Amino acid sequence: MVKFSIIIPVLNEAQNISSFLSKLQSLRTQAEIIIVDGGSQDDTTDLSQPLADKITQSTKGRAKQMNAGAKIASGEILLFLHADTSLPDNSLLLIEKGLSEKYQWGRFDVELSGNHFMFQVIAFFMNWRSRLTGISTGDQTLFVQKKLFYQIGQFPDIPLMEDIAICKQLKKYSAPLCLKARVITSSRRWQSFGILRTIMLMWWLRLLYFSGCDPKSLSGLYSKDKKRT
């Protein structure tokens, strides 16, 4: 049995998937790479074939896709990685050394690509907020012991905020392992929709979520806002 399963939800990532997966090849002695495609209309799966250990199809949606990947995972530790995020050096070793009975799940600090000074500010507050609350986002690359993942019932089947929702459940069983090593995630979301606009939107959506709003309604607001750009 492999120690780690790296689960990657994808959708129409043909432009970048080969270079992204190439960076993970050195980890395949310790981990299996699982691609979960949500219905791509391009060559994502064909390009992934020689660079992944398992490829499966799923209904579109990160929660659904990540649960589908976990279902076929053979690793003891599940790592959920976005296709626009790079892992730090020795990432798997850091996780293996850090996980324990006290820390059964966790995440990395995050750094945003791009040179705009605001990206450093955004990353600082993401990392600070995560340490303060014990809640992290998918951009910070969640990892969890598989037995605990199934004990809490996997990712909730919601179209948005699935990362926050699962963290709330995981916190009931252990504190998160907050690794200072940084994953580097793409700033394309902020660049595409505007830095200030994206910050305000995400904070507003989180406020509504913690106030009890239905994630389906929030997903509609998120999609509607993106279409205005």
Protein backbone atom coordinates (compact mmCIF):
# COMPACT_ATOMS: atom_id res chain seq x y z
CA MET A 1 0.00 0.00 0.00
CA VAL A 2 1.31 3.47 -0.87
CA LYS A 3 1.59 6.00 1.92
CA PHE A 4 -0.06 8.91 0.11
CA SER A 5 -2.78 9.45 -2.46
CA ILE A 6 -2.65 12.82 -4.21
CA ILE A 7 -6.17 13.56 -5.45
CA ILE A 8 -6.52 16.21 -8.15
CA PRO A 9 -9.94 17.40 -9.37
CA VAL A 10 -9.72 18.77 -12.92
CA LEU A 11 -11.92 20.36 -15.55
CA ASN A 12 -10.62 21.53 -18.93
CA GLU A 13 -7.01 21.85 -17.80
CA ALA A 14 -5.36 20.69 -21.05
CA GLN A 15 -3.32 23.87 -21.37
CA ASN A 16 -1.44 23.33 -18.11
CA ILE A 17 -1.97 19.72 -17.00
CA SER A 18 1.20 18.24 -18.49
CA SER A 19 3.55 20.77 -16.89
CA PHE A 20 1.63 20.55 -13.61
CA LEU A 21 1.81 16.75 -13.42
CA SER A 22 5.45 16.70 -14.52
CA LYS A 23 6.37 18.45 -11.27
CA LEU A 24 4.80 15.61 -9.29
CA GLN A 25 6.60 12.70 -10.95
CA SER A 26 9.36 12.51 -8.34
CA LEU A 27 6.68 11.82 -5.70
CA ARG A 28 5.34 8.69 -7.37
CA THR A 29 7.66 6.44 -5.37
CA GLN A 30 5.80 7.55 -2.22
CA ALA A 31 2.39 8.47 -3.58
CA GLU A 32 -0.14 7.60 -6.22
CA ILE A 33 -1.47 10.41 -8.40
CA ILE A 34 -5.21 10.32 -8.96
CA ILE A 35 -6.89 12.53 -11.56
CA VAL A 36 -10.63 13.05 -11.19
CA ASP A 37 -12.12 14.62 -14.30
CA GLY A 38 -15.41 16.48 -14.01
CA GLY A 39 -16.36 16.24 -17.69
CA SER A 40 -13.60 18.04 -19.57
CA GLN A 41 -14.29 18.96 -23.18
CA ASP A 42 -10.59 19.11 -24.07
CA ASP A 43 -7.63 16.69 -23.91
CA THR A 44 -7.12 16.85 -20.15
CA THR A 45 -7.50 13.11 -19.52
CA ASP A 46 -5.47 12.03 -22.56
CA LEU A 47 -2.59 14.27 -21.54
CA SER A 48 -2.81 13.04 -17.94
CA GLN A 49 -2.69 9.35 -18.83
CA PRO A 50 1.09 8.80 -18.83
CA LEU A 51 1.63 11.07 -15.83
CA ALA A 52 -0.95 9.70 -13.39
CA ASP A 53 -1.53 6.37 -11.67
CA LYS A 54 -5.33 6.46 -11.75
CA ILE A 55 -7.84 8.48 -13.76
CA THR A 56 -11.54 8.46 -13.04
CA GLN A 57 -14.61 10.40 -14.11
CA SER A 58 -17.07 12.17 -11.85
CA THR A 59 -19.95 14.58 -11.91
CA LYS A 60 -18.67 18.16 -12.04
CA GLY A 61 -18.02 19.77 -8.66
CA ARG A 62 -14.94 19.76 -6.45
CA ALA A 63 -16.62 17.98 -3.53
CA LYS A 64 -18.01 15.25 -5.78
CA GLN A 65 -14.71 14.88 -7.63
CA MET A 66 -12.56 14.73 -4.51
CA ASN A 67 -14.86 12.15 -2.92
CA ALA A 68 -14.68 10.09 -6.11
CA GLY A 69 -10.88 10.22 -5.96
CA ALA A 70 -10.84 9.20 -2.31
CA LYS A 71 -13.05 6.22 -3.15
CA ILE A 72 -10.33 4.67 -5.34
CA ALA A 73 -7.38 5.83 -3.23
CA SER A 74 -5.14 3.24 -1.63
CA GLY A 75 -2.98 5.61 0.40
CA GLU A 76 -3.19 6.02 4.17
CA ILE A 77 -3.03 9.79 3.82
CA LEU A 78 -5.15 11.73 1.33
CA LEU A 79 -3.83 14.99 -0.10
CA PHE A 80 -6.27 17.13 -2.11
CA LEU A 81 -4.36 19.25 -4.62
CA HIS A 82 -5.71 21.87 -7.01
CA ALA A 83 -4.39 21.76 -10.57
CA ASP A 84 -3.05 25.30 -10.31
CA THR A 85 -1.04 24.72 -7.12
CA SER A 86 2.57 23.60 -6.61
CA LEU A 87 3.75 21.67 -3.57
CA PRO A 88 6.82 22.73 -1.58
CA ASP A 89 9.97 20.64 -1.40
CA ASN A 90 9.76 17.66 0.96
CA SER A 91 6.01 18.17 1.24
CA LEU A 92 5.17 14.52 1.86
CA LEU A 93 7.94 14.13 4.43
CA LEU A 94 6.70 17.19 6.31
CA ILE A 95 3.18 15.76 6.41
CA GLU A 96 4.34 12.30 7.49
CA LYS A 97 6.47 13.70 10.31
CA GLY A 98 3.79 16.11 11.48
CA LEU A 99 0.68 13.95 11.56
CA SER A 100 -0.06 12.24 14.87
CA GLU A 101 -2.92 11.48 17.24
CA LYS A 102 -2.96 15.19 18.09
CA TYR A 103 -2.79 16.33 14.46
CA GLN A 104 -4.74 14.01 12.16
CA TRP A 105 -5.20 16.50 9.33
CA GLY A 106 -3.81 19.81 8.17
CA ARG A 107 -2.76 22.17 5.44
CA PHE A 108 0.17 24.27 4.19
CA ASP A 109 0.69 27.99 4.27
CA VAL A 110 -0.06 29.51 0.88
CA GLU A 111 1.70 31.92 -1.45
CA LEU A 112 0.07 33.48 -4.51
CA SER A 113 1.88 33.63 -7.83
CA GLY A 114 2.32 37.04 -9.45
CA ASN A 115 4.22 40.18 -8.51
CA HIS A 116 1.45 42.46 -7.28
CA PHE A 117 2.09 43.44 -3.65
CA MET A 118 -1.54 42.72 -2.79
CA PHE A 119 -0.98 39.01 -3.43
CA GLN A 120 1.43 38.94 -0.51
CA VAL A 121 -1.13 40.73 1.67
CA ILE A 122 -3.89 38.30 0.66
CA ALA A 123 -1.69 35.26 1.41
CA PHE A 124 -0.63 36.70 4.77
CA PHE A 125 -4.22 37.11 5.91
CA MET A 126 -5.24 33.71 4.53
CA ASN A 127 -2.52 32.03 6.57
CA TRP A 128 -3.14 34.16 9.68
CA ARG A 129 -6.91 33.58 9.56
CA SER A 130 -6.38 29.84 9.12
CA ARG A 131 -4.15 29.58 12.18
CA LEU A 132 -6.55 31.65 14.23
CA THR A 133 -9.72 29.75 13.28
CA GLY A 134 -8.47 26.27 12.41
CA ILE A 135 -10.31 26.62 9.09
CA SER A 136 -8.46 26.45 5.79
CA THR A 137 -9.30 26.72 2.12
CA GLY A 138 -8.61 24.28 -0.68
CA ASP A 139 -5.92 26.64 -1.96
CA GLN A 140 -3.87 25.68 1.09
CA THR A 141 -3.92 22.00 0.06
CA LEU A 142 -5.76 19.96 2.64
CA PHE A 143 -4.41 16.58 3.77
CA VAL A 144 -6.03 14.08 6.11
CA GLN A 145 -5.65 10.55 7.39
CA LYS A 146 -7.99 8.41 5.32
CA LYS A 147 -9.61 6.75 8.31
CA LEU A 148 -10.62 10.15 9.69
CA PHE A 149 -11.83 11.31 6.26
CA TYR A 150 -14.34 8.47 6.18
CA GLN A 151 -15.14 8.79 9.86
CA ILE A 152 -16.51 12.30 9.27
CA GLY A 153 -18.35 11.31 6.09
CA GLN A 154 -16.09 12.77 3.36
CA PHE A 155 -16.59 16.19 1.78
CA PRO A 156 -20.20 17.36 2.13
CA ASP A 157 -21.97 17.28 -1.22
CA ILE A 158 -22.32 21.04 -1.63
CA PRO A 159 -21.34 23.20 -4.64
CA LEU A 160 -19.34 25.77 -2.67
CA MET A 161 -17.59 26.07 0.72
CA GLU A 162 -16.89 22.33 0.85
CA ASP A 163 -13.39 23.08 2.18
CA ILE A 164 -14.70 25.18 5.06
CA ALA A 165 -17.43 22.65 5.82
CA ILE A 166 -15.03 19.72 6.07
CA CYS A 167 -12.63 21.68 8.26
CA LYS A 168 -15.44 22.38 10.70
CA GLN A 169 -16.02 18.64 10.97
CA LEU A 170 -12.34 17.72 11.19
CA LYS A 171 -11.79 20.19 14.03
CA LYS A 172 -14.10 18.10 16.19
CA TYR A 173 -11.53 15.29 16.15
CA SER A 174 -8.18 17.06 16.16
CA ALA A 175 -6.44 20.37 15.73
CA PRO A 176 -5.06 21.04 12.23
CA LEU A 177 -1.37 20.65 11.47
CA CYS A 178 -0.52 24.09 10.06
CA LEU A 179 2.70 23.66 8.10
CA LYS A 180 4.74 26.81 7.48
CA ALA A 181 6.07 25.44 4.19
CA ARG A 182 4.20 27.15 1.37
CA VAL A 183 2.26 25.86 -1.56
CA ILE A 184 2.22 28.27 -4.49
CA THR A 185 -1.19 28.71 -6.02
CA SER A 186 -2.15 30.63 -9.13
CA SER A 187 -3.43 34.18 -8.74
CA ARG A 188 -5.45 33.88 -11.97
CA ARG A 189 -8.76 34.16 -10.10
CA TRP A 190 -7.78 37.54 -8.66
CA GLN A 191 -6.26 38.69 -11.94
CA SER A 192 -9.31 37.70 -13.96
CA PHE A 193 -12.01 39.20 -11.75
CA GLY A 194 -10.08 42.01 -10.05
CA ILE A 195 -8.19 41.84 -6.76
CA LEU A 196 -10.46 44.00 -4.59
CA ARG A 197 -13.61 42.62 -6.17
CA THR A 198 -12.56 39.02 -5.56
CA ILE A 199 -11.59 39.74 -1.93
CA MET A 200 -14.92 41.39 -1.22
CA LEU A 201 -16.86 38.63 -2.97
CA MET A 202 -15.14 35.81 -1.09
CA TRP A 203 -15.51 37.51 2.29
CA TRP A 204 -19.17 38.25 1.57
CA LEU A 205 -19.84 34.65 0.58
CA ARG A 206 -18.11 33.34 3.72
CA LEU A 207 -20.12 35.73 5.89
CA LEU A 208 -23.34 34.51 4.29
CA TYR A 209 -22.26 30.88 4.71
CA PHE A 210 -21.46 31.27 8.41
CA SER A 211 -24.79 33.06 8.78
CA GLY A 212 -26.53 29.91 7.60
CA CYS A 213 -27.16 30.59 3.91
CA ASP A 214 -27.62 27.58 1.62
CA PRO A 215 -24.37 26.80 -0.30
CA LYS A 216 -26.47 26.27 -3.45
CA SER A 217 -27.62 29.87 -3.25
CA LEU A 218 -24.08 31.04 -2.63
CA SER A 219 -22.85 29.08 -5.64
CA GLY A 220 -25.45 30.90 -7.75
CA LEU A 221 -24.21 34.26 -6.50
CA TYR A 222 -20.60 33.28 -7.19
CA SER A 223 -21.38 32.15 -10.75
CA LYS A 224 -23.52 35.20 -11.43
CA ASP A 225 -20.75 37.54 -10.31
CA LYS A 226 -18.17 35.82 -12.53
CA LYS A 227 -20.41 36.20 -15.58
CA ARG A 228 -20.45 39.98 -15.12
CA THR A 229 -16.74 40.24 -15.89
